[in-house]
Amino acid sequence: MKKIKIKNISFFKIVGYLYPATILAIVLVLLFLIRFLYANVYQTIIQAELITDLRKEVSEQNLEKEKFDKVLENLNWKTTITGELTAVDLTKDPFQNLPVGEIPKTP
C-alpha cells in the first residue's frame, strides 16, 4: 500500500487565499442583501405610495350616488320579470322588423 504524502501548507499561503475569499463572501452577502431589500422593502413602499395616489384621484372624481343608485335600480327593474310569461311572450321575436303603424299578430 502506498502512503499519501501531504505537502506542507504554510500559514501565510492559507491567509493569502483567505482575504480574497472573505472579500468575495462579503460582496455576495451585500448583493443578496441589496436584492432582498429592493424586492421586499423598496417595491412595497412604491406600491403603497401608488395606492395612496390612486385613492386621491378616485376621491377627486366624486361619484354621484343618486345617479348611480338610479342606474342600478333601472338595471334591476329590467332584469326582473313581473307577472307570468305566456307562450306568446316566449315565442315572440323581439328582433322582427315591423313597419311603422302595424300591430304585430299574436298566435
Protein backbone atom coordinates (compact mmCIF):
# COMPACT_ATOMS: atom_id res chain seq x y z
CA MET A 1 0.00 0.00 0.00
CA LYS A 2 1.29 3.40 -0.97
CA LYS A 3 1.35 6.20 1.55
CA ILE A 4 -0.04 9.57 0.53
CA LYS A 5 2.32 12.41 1.20
CA ILE A 6 0.76 15.61 2.46
CA LYS A 7 2.54 18.74 1.38
CA ASN A 8 3.42 21.25 3.97
CA ILE A 9 0.92 24.08 3.70
CA SER A 10 2.17 27.27 5.21
CA PHE A 11 0.01 29.59 7.27
CA PHE A 12 0.83 32.52 5.00
CA LYS A 13 -0.38 30.65 1.95
CA ILE A 14 -3.76 30.00 3.66
CA VAL A 15 -4.01 33.66 4.70
CA GLY A 16 -3.25 34.64 1.12
CA TYR A 17 -6.38 32.79 -0.05
CA LEU A 18 -8.42 33.79 2.99
CA TYR A 19 -8.52 37.52 2.24
CA PRO A 20 -9.90 37.24 -1.31
CA ALA A 21 -12.39 34.56 -0.18
CA THR A 22 -13.58 36.80 2.66
CA ILE A 23 -13.95 39.80 0.35
CA LEU A 24 -15.86 37.67 -2.17
CA ALA A 25 -18.18 36.37 0.58
CA ILE A 26 -18.85 39.90 1.83
CA VAL A 27 -19.61 41.14 -1.69
CA LEU A 28 -22.01 38.23 -2.28
CA VAL A 29 -23.79 38.86 1.03
CA LEU A 30 -24.10 42.57 0.23
CA LEU A 31 -25.51 41.81 -3.22
CA PHE A 32 -28.04 39.41 -1.71
CA LEU A 33 -28.97 41.99 0.95
CA ILE A 34 -29.45 44.76 -1.63
CA ARG A 35 -31.59 42.48 -3.82
CA PHE A 36 -33.68 41.41 -0.81
CA LEU A 37 -34.24 44.97 0.39
CA TYR A 38 -35.14 46.16 -3.12
CA ALA A 39 -37.67 43.38 -3.70
CA ASN A 40 -39.28 43.34 -0.26
CA VAL A 41 -38.97 46.87 1.09
CA TYR A 42 -38.50 49.37 -1.72
CA GLN A 43 -41.07 47.81 -4.06
CA THR A 44 -43.60 47.62 -1.20
CA ILE A 45 -43.11 51.30 -0.39
CA ILE A 46 -43.54 52.25 -4.06
CA GLN A 47 -46.74 50.20 -4.30
CA ALA A 48 -48.11 51.79 -1.11
CA GLU A 49 -47.41 55.28 -2.48
CA LEU A 50 -49.09 54.34 -5.77
CA ILE A 51 -52.18 53.13 -3.91
CA THR A 52 -52.45 56.36 -1.93
CA ASP A 53 -52.07 58.41 -5.12
CA LEU A 54 -54.78 56.38 -6.84
CA ARG A 55 -57.09 56.80 -3.84
CA LYS A 56 -56.61 60.57 -4.04
CA GLU A 57 -57.53 60.54 -7.75
CA VAL A 58 -60.64 58.46 -7.13
CA SER A 59 -61.78 60.70 -4.31
CA GLU A 60 -61.41 63.70 -6.61
CA GLN A 61 -63.79 62.08 -9.07
CA ASN A 62 -66.82 62.34 -6.83
CA LEU A 63 -69.29 59.63 -7.64
CA GLU A 64 -72.83 60.94 -7.85
CA LYS A 65 -74.56 58.49 -5.54
CA GLU A 66 -78.10 59.39 -6.56
CA LYS A 67 -77.46 58.82 -10.27
CA PHE A 68 -75.57 55.62 -9.54
CA ASP A 69 -78.44 54.28 -7.43
CA LYS A 70 -80.94 55.24 -10.14
CA VAL A 71 -78.96 53.37 -12.80
CA LEU A 72 -78.74 50.30 -10.55
CA GLU A 73 -82.46 50.49 -9.88
CA ASN A 74 -83.20 50.64 -13.62
CA LEU A 75 -80.92 47.68 -14.29
CA ASN A 76 -82.60 45.65 -11.56
CA TRP A 77 -86.02 46.62 -12.88
CA LYS A 78 -85.09 45.49 -16.39
CA THR A 79 -83.75 42.16 -15.20
CA THR A 80 -86.75 41.23 -13.05
CA ILE A 81 -89.91 39.83 -14.63
CA THR A 82 -93.25 40.95 -13.29
CA GLY A 83 -96.30 38.83 -13.94
CA GLU A 84 -96.45 35.48 -15.68
CA LEU A 85 -94.98 34.70 -19.04
CA THR A 86 -97.27 33.12 -21.55
CA ALA A 87 -96.42 31.03 -24.58
CA VAL A 88 -96.96 34.11 -26.72
CA ASP A 89 -94.33 36.03 -24.81
CA LEU A 90 -91.81 33.22 -25.20
CA THR A 91 -92.32 32.73 -28.94
CA LYS A 92 -92.42 36.40 -29.90
CA ASP A 93 -89.38 37.54 -31.87
CA PRO A 94 -88.17 40.80 -30.34
CA PHE A 95 -85.90 41.48 -33.31
CA GLN A 96 -88.50 41.42 -36.06
CA ASN A 97 -88.72 44.41 -38.35
CA LEU A 98 -92.16 45.96 -38.14
CA PRO A 99 -93.36 48.74 -40.39
CA VAL A 100 -94.49 51.86 -38.59
CA GLY A 101 -98.13 51.62 -37.52
CA GLU A 102 -98.50 47.84 -37.96
CA ILE A 103 -99.74 45.86 -34.98
CA PRO A 104 -97.96 42.53 -34.50
CA LYS A 105 -100.17 39.43 -34.70
CA THR A 106 -100.28 37.08 -31.75
CA PRO A 107 -100.62 33.36 -32.49
